[in-house]
PDB file of all heavy atoms in Angstrom:
ATOM      1  N   MET A   1     169.585 -13.382 -56.971  1.00  0.00           N
ATOM      2  CA  MET A   1     170.515 -13.759 -55.913  1.00  0.00           C
ATOM      3  C   MET A   1     170.500 -15.270 -55.695  1.00  0.00           C
ATOM      4  O   MET A   1     169.562 -15.968 -56.094  1.00  0.00           O
ATOM      5  CB  MET A   1     170.166 -13.034 -54.614  1.00  0.00           C
ATOM      6  CG  MET A   1     170.300 -11.531 -54.713  1.00  0.00           C
ATOM      7  SD  MET A   1     170.371 -10.750 -53.080  1.00  0.00           S
ATOM      8  CE  MET A   1     168.900 -11.383 -52.320  1.00  0.00           C
ATOM      9  N   SER A   2     171.546 -15.768 -55.043  1.00  0.00           N
ATOM     10  CA  SER A   2     171.621 -17.187 -54.711  1.00  0.00           C
ATOM     11  C   SER A   2     170.591 -17.540 -53.643  1.00  0.00           C
ATOM     12  O   SER A   2     170.027 -16.655 -52.977  1.00  0.00           O
ATOM     13  CB  SER A   2     173.022 -17.535 -54.198  1.00  0.00           C
ATOM     14  OG  SER A   2     173.235 -16.947 -52.915  1.00  0.00           O
ATOM     15  N   GLY A   3     170.380 -18.849 -53.453  1.00  0.00           N
ATOM     16  CA  GLY A   3     169.419 -19.289 -52.441  1.00  0.00           C
ATOM     17  C   GLY A   3     169.800 -18.828 -51.049  1.00  0.00           C
ATOM     18  O   GLY A   3     168.949 -18.428 -50.255  1.00  0.00           O
ATOM     19  N   GLY A   4     171.094 -18.866 -50.743  1.00  0.00           N
ATOM     20  CA  GLY A   4     171.540 -18.416 -49.428  1.00  0.00           C
ATOM     21  C   GLY A   4     171.311 -16.939 -49.217  1.00  0.00           C
ATOM     22  O   GLY A   4     170.888 -16.504 -48.141  1.00  0.00           O
ATOM     23  N   GLU A   5     171.569 -16.149 -50.261  1.00  0.00           N
ATOM     24  CA  GLU A   5     171.347 -14.705 -50.160  1.00  0.00           C
ATOM     25  C   GLU A   5     169.861 -14.396 -50.018  1.00  0.00           C
ATOM     26  O   GLU A   5     169.474 -13.485 -49.273  1.00  0.00           O
ATOM     27  CB  GLU A   5     171.931 -14.019 -51.389  1.00  0.00           C
ATOM     28  CG  GLU A   5     173.449 -14.036 -51.431  1.00  0.00           C
ATOM     29  CD  GLU A   5     174.022 -13.648 -52.778  1.00  0.00           C
ATOM     30  OE1 GLU A   5     173.288 -13.736 -53.798  1.00  0.00           O
ATOM     31  OE2 GLU A   5     175.192 -13.253 -52.832  1.00  0.00           O
ATOM     32  N   GLN A   6     169.029 -15.154 -50.709  1.00  0.00           N
ATOM     33  CA  GLN A   6     167.582 -14.953 -50.577  1.00  0.00           C
ATOM     34  C   GLN A   6     167.100 -15.300 -49.174  1.00  0.00           C
ATOM     35  O   GLN A   6     166.203 -14.646 -48.641  1.00  0.00           O
ATOM     36  CB  GLN A   6     166.846 -15.780 -51.628  1.00  0.00           C
ATOM     37  CG  GLN A   6     167.049 -15.288 -53.043  1.00  0.00           C
ATOM     38  CD  GLN A   6     166.282 -16.096 -54.063  1.00  0.00           C
ATOM     39  OE1 GLN A   6     165.377 -16.860 -53.726  1.00  0.00           O
ATOM     40  NE2 GLN A   6     166.633 -15.950 -55.336  1.00  0.00           N
ATOM     41  N   GLN A   7     167.705 -16.315 -48.568  1.00  0.00           N
ATOM     42  CA  GLN A   7     167.331 -16.653 -47.194  1.00  0.00           C
ATOM     43  C   GLN A   7     167.725 -15.528 -46.245  1.00  0.00           C
ATOM     44  O   GLN A   7     166.964 -15.174 -45.334  1.00  0.00           O
ATOM     45  CB  GLN A   7     168.017 -17.956 -46.778  1.00  0.00           C
ATOM     46  CG  GLN A   7     167.657 -18.438 -45.381  1.00  0.00           C
ATOM     47  CD  GLN A   7     166.184 -18.780 -45.253  1.00  0.00           C
ATOM     48  OE1 GLN A   7     165.342 -17.900 -45.014  1.00  0.00           O
ATOM     49  NE2 GLN A   7     165.863 -20.036 -45.432  1.00  0.00           N
ATOM     50  N   MET A   8     168.899 -14.956 -46.454  1.00  0.00           N
ATOM     51  CA  MET A   8     169.322 -13.816 -45.639  1.00  0.00           C
ATOM     52  C   MET A   8     168.352 -12.648 -45.810  1.00  0.00           C
ATOM     53  O   MET A   8     167.991 -11.969 -44.847  1.00  0.00           O
ATOM     54  CB  MET A   8     170.733 -13.372 -46.027  1.00  0.00           C
ATOM     55  CG  MET A   8     171.804 -14.423 -45.915  1.00  0.00           C
ATOM     56  SD  MET A   8     172.129 -14.978 -44.231  1.00  0.00           S
ATOM     57  CE  MET A   8     173.517 -16.095 -44.527  1.00  0.00           C
ATOM     58  N   LEU A   9     167.909 -12.427 -47.043  1.00  0.00           N
ATOM     59  CA  LEU A   9     166.967 -11.345 -47.318  1.00  0.00           C
ATOM     60  C   LEU A   9     165.642 -11.583 -46.599  1.00  0.00           C
ATOM     61  O   LEU A   9     165.057 -10.652 -46.033  1.00  0.00           O
ATOM     62  CB  LEU A   9     166.741 -11.220 -48.825  1.00  0.00           C
ATOM     63  CG  LEU A   9     165.695 -10.202 -49.287  1.00  0.00           C
ATOM     64  CD1 LEU A   9     165.999  -8.803 -48.761  1.00  0.00           C
ATOM     65  CD2 LEU A   9     165.603 -10.194 -50.821  1.00  0.00           C
ATOM     66  N   ALA A  10     165.165 -12.820 -46.617  1.00  0.00           N
ATOM     67  CA  ALA A  10     163.900 -13.133 -45.944  1.00  0.00           C
ATOM     68  C   ALA A  10     163.992 -12.857 -44.444  1.00  0.00           C
ATOM     69  O   ALA A  10     163.063 -12.309 -43.840  1.00  0.00           O
ATOM     70  CB  ALA A  10     163.521 -14.594 -46.197  1.00  0.00           C
ATOM     71  N   ILE A  11     165.111 -13.222 -43.840  1.00  0.00           N
ATOM     72  CA  ILE A  11     165.282 -12.979 -42.401  1.00  0.00           C
ATOM     73  C   ILE A  11     165.398 -11.487 -42.126  1.00  0.00           C
ATOM     74  O   ILE A  11     164.781 -10.959 -41.190  1.00  0.00           O
ATOM     75  CB  ILE A  11     166.512 -13.735 -41.879  1.00  0.00           C
ATOM     76  CG1 ILE A  11     166.287 -15.240 -41.995  1.00  0.00           C
ATOM     77  CG2 ILE A  11     166.801 -13.359 -40.424  1.00  0.00           C
ATOM     78  CD1 ILE A  11     167.524 -16.068 -41.718  1.00  0.00           C
ATOM     79  N   ALA A  12     166.176 -10.789 -42.962  1.00  0.00           N
ATOM     80  CA  ALA A  12     166.329  -9.341 -42.769  1.00  0.00           C
ATOM     81  C   ALA A  12     164.991  -8.636 -42.890  1.00  0.00           C
ATOM     82  O   ALA A  12     164.668  -7.739 -42.100  1.00  0.00           O
ATOM     83  CB  ALA A  12     167.319  -8.788 -43.801  1.00  0.00           C
ATOM     84  N   ARG A  13     164.195  -9.033 -43.866  1.00  0.00           N
ATOM     85  CA  ARG A  13     162.877  -8.410 -44.046  1.00  0.00           C
ATOM     86  C   ARG A  13     161.994  -8.660 -42.826  1.00  0.00           C
ATOM     87  O   ARG A  13     161.271  -7.767 -42.372  1.00  0.00           O
ATOM     88  CB  ARG A  13     162.210  -8.953 -45.313  1.00  0.00           C
ATOM     89  CG  ARG A  13     160.902  -8.265 -45.668  1.00  0.00           C
ATOM     90  CD  ARG A  13     160.322  -8.838 -46.957  1.00  0.00           C
ATOM     91  NE  ARG A  13     160.047 -10.269 -46.827  1.00  0.00           N
ATOM     92  CZ  ARG A  13     159.668 -11.051 -47.839  1.00  0.00           C
ATOM     93  NH1 ARG A  13     159.556 -10.536 -49.061  1.00  0.00           N
ATOM     94  NH2 ARG A  13     159.428 -12.328 -47.662  1.00  0.00           N
ATOM     95  N   GLY A  14     162.059  -9.881 -42.274  1.00  0.00           N
ATOM     96  CA  GLY A  14     161.279 -10.180 -41.079  1.00  0.00           C
ATOM     97  C   GLY A  14     161.694  -9.342 -39.886  1.00  0.00           C
ATOM     98  O   GLY A  14     160.862  -8.960 -39.059  1.00  0.00           O
ATOM     99  N   LEU A  15     162.977  -9.024 -39.799  1.00  0.00           N
ATOM    100  CA  LEU A  15     163.472  -8.221 -38.676  1.00  0.00           C
ATOM    101  C   LEU A  15     163.048  -6.761 -38.774  1.00  0.00           C
ATOM    102  O   LEU A  15     163.019  -6.057 -37.766  1.00  0.00           O
ATOM    103  CB  LEU A  15     164.994  -8.297 -38.612  1.00  0.00           C
ATOM    104  CG  LEU A  15     165.591  -9.594 -38.066  1.00  0.00           C
ATOM    105  CD1 LEU A  15     167.096  -9.595 -38.269  1.00  0.00           C
ATOM    106  CD2 LEU A  15     165.240  -9.771 -36.596  1.00  0.00           C
ATOM    107  N   LEU A  16     162.708  -6.309 -39.990  1.00  0.00           N
ATOM    108  CA  LEU A  16     162.363  -4.901 -40.161  1.00  0.00           C
ATOM    109  C   LEU A  16     161.017  -4.525 -39.549  1.00  0.00           C
ATOM    110  O   LEU A  16     160.683  -3.353 -39.466  1.00  0.00           O
ATOM    111  CB  LEU A  16     162.423  -4.512 -41.638  1.00  0.00           C
ATOM    112  CG  LEU A  16     163.823  -4.048 -42.053  1.00  0.00           C
ATOM    113  CD1 LEU A  16     164.029  -4.143 -43.541  1.00  0.00           C
ATOM    114  CD2 LEU A  16     164.070  -2.622 -41.580  1.00  0.00           C
ATOM    115  N   SER A  17     160.261  -5.498 -39.111  1.00  0.00           N
ATOM    116  CA  SER A  17     159.040  -5.189 -38.365  1.00  0.00           C
ATOM    117  C   SER A  17     159.333  -5.022 -36.876  1.00  0.00           C
ATOM    118  O   SER A  17     158.412  -4.858 -36.074  1.00  0.00           O
ATOM    119  CB  SER A  17     157.992  -6.287 -38.569  1.00  0.00           C
ATOM    120  OG  SER A  17     158.441  -7.512 -38.022  1.00  0.00           O
ATOM    121  N   SER A  18     160.622  -5.088 -36.509  1.00  0.00           N
ATOM    122  CA  SER A  18     161.056  -4.946 -35.103  1.00  0.00           C
ATOM    123  C   SER A  18     160.323  -5.918 -34.182  1.00  0.00           C
ATOM    124  O   SER A  18     159.715  -5.517 -33.180  1.00  0.00           O
ATOM    125  CB  SER A  18     160.851  -3.502 -34.625  1.00  0.00           C
ATOM    126  OG  SER A  18     161.587  -2.602 -35.426  1.00  0.00           O
ATOM    127  N   PRO A  19     160.380  -7.228 -34.490  1.00  0.00           N
ATOM    128  CA  PRO A  19     159.624  -8.194 -33.689  1.00  0.00           C
ATOM    129  C   PRO A  19     160.254  -8.461 -32.329  1.00  0.00           C
ATOM    130  O   PRO A  19     161.465  -8.289 -32.134  1.00  0.00           O
ATOM    131  CB  PRO A  19     159.677  -9.459 -34.558  1.00  0.00           C
ATOM    132  CG  PRO A  19     161.002  -9.348 -35.268  1.00  0.00           C
ATOM    133  CD  PRO A  19     161.158  -7.877 -35.555  1.00  0.00           C
ATOM    134  N   ASP A  20     159.427  -8.891 -31.402  1.00  0.00           N
ATOM    135  CA  ASP A  20     159.925  -9.437 -30.142  1.00  0.00           C
ATOM    136  C   ASP A  20     160.265 -10.913 -30.303  1.00  0.00           C
ATOM    137  O   ASP A  20     161.101 -11.448 -29.587  1.00  0.00           O
ATOM    138  CB  ASP A  20     158.874  -9.298 -29.037  1.00  0.00           C
ATOM    139  CG  ASP A  20     158.542  -7.847 -28.741  1.00  0.00           C
ATOM    140  OD1 ASP A  20     159.469  -7.012 -28.764  1.00  0.00           O
ATOM    141  OD2 ASP A  20     157.362  -7.546 -28.493  1.00  0.00           O
ATOM    142  N   LEU A  21     159.553 -11.566 -31.247  1.00  0.00           N
ATOM    143  CA  LEU A  21     159.703 -13.011 -31.471  1.00  0.00           C
ATOM    144  C   LEU A  21     159.749 -13.281 -32.961  1.00  0.00           C
ATOM    145  O   LEU A  21     158.890 -12.829 -33.710  1.00  0.00           O
ATOM    146  CB  LEU A  21     158.531 -13.771 -30.835  1.00  0.00           C
ATOM    147  CG  LEU A  21     158.422 -15.263 -31.149  1.00  0.00           C
ATOM    148  CD1 LEU A  21     159.630 -16.031 -30.603  1.00  0.00           C
ATOM    149  CD2 LEU A  21     157.118 -15.831 -30.571  1.00  0.00           C
ATOM    150  N   LEU A  22     160.756 -14.041 -33.381  1.00  0.00           N
ATOM    151  CA  LEU A  22     160.919 -14.421 -34.781  1.00  0.00           C
ATOM    152  C   LEU A  22     160.671 -15.921 -34.900  1.00  0.00           C
ATOM    153  O   LEU A  22     161.338 -16.726 -34.233  1.00  0.00           O
ATOM    154  CB  LEU A  22     162.336 -14.067 -35.233  1.00  0.00           C
ATOM    155  CG  LEU A  22     162.633 -13.911 -36.727  1.00  0.00           C
ATOM    156  CD1 LEU A  22     161.751 -12.838 -37.369  1.00  0.00           C
ATOM    157  CD2 LEU A  22     164.107 -13.573 -36.934  1.00  0.00           C
ATOM    158  N   LEU A  23     159.702 -16.296 -35.729  1.00  0.00           N
ATOM    159  CA  LEU A  23     159.439 -17.701 -36.045  1.00  0.00           C
ATOM    160  C   LEU A  23     160.172 -18.021 -37.342  1.00  0.00           C
ATOM    161  O   LEU A  23     159.930 -17.383 -38.367  1.00  0.00           O
ATOM    162  CB  LEU A  23     157.940 -17.949 -36.232  1.00  0.00           C
ATOM    163  CG  LEU A  23     156.976 -17.401 -35.170  1.00  0.00           C
ATOM    164  CD1 LEU A  23     155.534 -17.689 -35.574  1.00  0.00           C
ATOM    165  CD2 LEU A  23     157.292 -17.991 -33.801  1.00  0.00           C
ATOM    166  N   ILE A  24     161.051 -19.009 -37.326  1.00  0.00           N
ATOM    167  CA  ILE A  24     161.883 -19.297 -38.492  1.00  0.00           C
ATOM    168  C   ILE A  24     161.707 -20.759 -38.891  1.00  0.00           C
ATOM    169  O   ILE A  24     161.988 -21.664 -38.103  1.00  0.00           O
ATOM    170  CB  ILE A  24     163.368 -19.003 -38.217  1.00  0.00           C
ATOM    171  CG1 ILE A  24     163.536 -17.615 -37.601  1.00  0.00           C
ATOM    172  CG2 ILE A  24     164.171 -19.113 -39.502  1.00  0.00           C
ATOM    173  CD1 ILE A  24     164.972 -17.270 -37.289  1.00  0.00           C
ATOM    174  N   ASP A  25     161.268 -20.973 -40.131  1.00  0.00           N
ATOM    175  CA  ASP A  25     160.940 -22.315 -40.612  1.00  0.00           C
ATOM    176  C   ASP A  25     162.011 -22.823 -41.574  1.00  0.00           C
ATOM    177  O   ASP A  25     162.153 -22.322 -42.687  1.00  0.00           O
ATOM    178  CB  ASP A  25     159.573 -22.278 -41.315  1.00  0.00           C
ATOM    179  CG  ASP A  25     158.991 -23.670 -41.517  1.00  0.00           C
ATOM    180  OD1 ASP A  25     159.658 -24.656 -41.140  1.00  0.00           O
ATOM    181  OD2 ASP A  25     157.866 -23.767 -42.052  1.00  0.00           O
ATOM    182  N   GLU A  26     162.768 -23.822 -41.130  1.00  0.00           N
ATOM    183  CA  GLU A  26     163.774 -24.525 -41.948  1.00  0.00           C
ATOM    184  C   GLU A  26     164.737 -23.563 -42.661  1.00  0.00           C
ATOM    185  O   GLU A  26     164.877 -23.592 -43.888  1.00  0.00           O
ATOM    186  CB  GLU A  26     163.071 -25.421 -42.989  1.00  0.00           C
ATOM    187  CG  GLU A  26     162.130 -26.450 -42.413  1.00  0.00           C
ATOM    188  CD  GLU A  26     162.842 -27.645 -41.773  1.00  0.00           C
ATOM    189  OE1 GLU A  26     164.079 -27.624 -41.674  1.00  0.00           O
ATOM    190  OE2 GLU A  26     162.154 -28.584 -41.358  1.00  0.00           O
ATOM    191  N   PRO A  27     165.441 -22.711 -41.928  1.00  0.00           N
ATOM    192  CA  PRO A  27     166.279 -21.710 -42.589  1.00  0.00           C
ATOM    193  C   PRO A  27     167.493 -22.278 -43.316  1.00  0.00           C
ATOM    194  O   PRO A  27     168.018 -21.636 -44.230  1.00  0.00           O
ATOM    195  CB  PRO A  27     166.719 -20.798 -41.444  1.00  0.00           C
ATOM    196  CG  PRO A  27     166.673 -21.674 -40.240  1.00  0.00           C
ATOM    197  CD  PRO A  27     165.488 -22.574 -40.461  1.00  0.00           C
ATOM    198  N   THR A  28     167.968 -23.474 -42.931  1.00  0.00           N
ATOM    199  CA  THR A  28     169.197 -23.989 -43.542  1.00  0.00           C
ATOM    200  C   THR A  28     168.933 -24.940 -44.705  1.00  0.00           C
ATOM    201  O   THR A  28     169.887 -25.425 -45.324  1.00  0.00           O
ATOM    202  CB  THR A  28     170.065 -24.728 -42.507  1.00  0.00           C
ATOM    203  OG1 THR A  28     169.420 -25.945 -42.109  1.00  0.00           O
ATOM    204  CG2 THR A  28     170.313 -23.853 -41.287  1.00  0.00           C
ATOM    205  N   GLU A  29     167.674 -25.197 -45.015  1.00  0.00           N
ATOM    206  CA  GLU A  29     167.363 -26.174 -46.059  1.00  0.00           C
ATOM    207  C   GLU A  29     167.963 -25.746 -47.405  1.00  0.00           C
ATOM    208  O   GLU A  29     167.750 -24.638 -47.879  1.00  0.00           O
ATOM    209  CB  GLU A  29     165.849 -26.334 -46.210  1.00  0.00           C
ATOM    210  CG  GLU A  29     165.460 -27.429 -47.180  1.00  0.00           C
ATOM    211  CD  GLU A  29     163.963 -27.656 -47.229  1.00  0.00           C
ATOM    212  OE1 GLU A  29     163.211 -26.759 -46.802  1.00  0.00           O
ATOM    213  OE2 GLU A  29     163.546 -28.724 -47.693  1.00  0.00           O
ATOM    214  N   GLY A  30     168.730 -26.639 -48.004  1.00  0.00           N
ATOM    215  CA  GLY A  30     169.293 -26.398 -49.324  1.00  0.00           C
ATOM    216  C   GLY A  30     170.526 -25.514 -49.339  1.00  0.00           C
ATOM    217  O   GLY A  30     171.030 -25.197 -50.424  1.00  0.00           O
ATOM    218  N   LEU A  31     171.038 -25.113 -48.185  1.00  0.00           N
ATOM    219  CA  LEU A  31     172.192 -24.223 -48.150  1.00  0.00           C
ATOM    220  C   LEU A  31     173.498 -25.012 -48.060  1.00  0.00           C
ATOM    221  O   LEU A  31     173.554 -26.084 -47.465  1.00  0.00           O
ATOM    222  CB  LEU A  31     172.100 -23.270 -46.952  1.00  0.00           C
ATOM    223  CG  LEU A  31     170.898 -22.331 -46.884  1.00  0.00           C
ATOM    224  CD1 LEU A  31     171.088 -21.356 -45.740  1.00  0.00           C
ATOM    225  CD2 LEU A  31     170.680 -21.592 -48.194  1.00  0.00           C
ATOM    226  N   MET A  32     174.548 -24.455 -48.632  1.00  0.00           N
ATOM    227  CA  MET A  32     175.877 -25.046 -48.526  1.00  0.00           C
ATOM    228  C   MET A  32     176.345 -24.999 -47.076  1.00  0.00           C
ATOM    229  O   MET A  32     175.950 -24.104 -46.320  1.00  0.00           O
ATOM    230  CB  MET A  32     176.873 -24.285 -49.401  1.00  0.00           C
ATOM    231  CG  MET A  32     176.595 -24.349 -50.884  1.00  0.00           C
ATOM    232  SD  MET A  32     177.891 -23.515 -51.832  1.00  0.00           S
ATOM    233  CE  MET A  32     177.801 -21.839 -51.173  1.00  0.00           C
ATOM    234  N   PRO A  33     177.200 -25.962 -46.662  1.00  0.00           N
ATOM    235  CA  PRO A  33     177.659 -25.996 -45.264  1.00  0.00           C
ATOM    236  C   PRO A  33     178.262 -24.676 -44.780  1.00  0.00           C
ATOM    237  O   PRO A  33     178.042 -24.274 -43.633  1.00  0.00           O
ATOM    238  CB  PRO A  33     178.701 -27.116 -45.277  1.00  0.00           C
ATOM    239  CG  PRO A  33     178.252 -28.027 -46.371  1.00  0.00           C
ATOM    240  CD  PRO A  33     177.667 -27.133 -47.425  1.00  0.00           C
ATOM    241  N   SER A  34     179.009 -23.985 -45.635  1.00  0.00           N
ATOM    242  CA  SER A  34     179.614 -22.718 -45.204  1.00  0.00           C
ATOM    243  C   SER A  34     178.546 -21.673 -44.903  1.00  0.00           C
ATOM    244  O   SER A  34     178.686 -20.877 -43.955  1.00  0.00           O
ATOM    245  CB  SER A  34     180.568 -22.191 -46.273  1.00  0.00           C
ATOM    246  OG  SER A  34     179.876 -21.974 -47.498  1.00  0.00           O
ATOM    247  N   LEU A  35     177.463 -21.676 -45.687  1.00  0.00           N
ATOM    248  CA  LEU A  35     176.369 -20.733 -45.446  1.00  0.00           C
ATOM    249  C   LEU A  35     175.562 -21.119 -44.217  1.00  0.00           C
ATOM    250  O   LEU A  35     175.044 -20.252 -43.516  1.00  0.00           O
ATOM    251  CB  LEU A  35     175.462 -20.650 -46.673  1.00  0.00           C
ATOM    252  CG  LEU A  35     176.017 -19.863 -47.861  1.00  0.00           C
ATOM    253  CD1 LEU A  35     175.065 -19.952 -49.044  1.00  0.00           C
ATOM    254  CD2 LEU A  35     176.247 -18.406 -47.485  1.00  0.00           C
TER     255      LEU A  35
END
């Protein structure tokens, strides 16, 4: 998958633990402006 799709996957995987708090480190790095 593309870098943007992999970032979406990483966030989705983190959400599957049903967190109350999500810590997100530099999610937009290297992504195209539209993404």
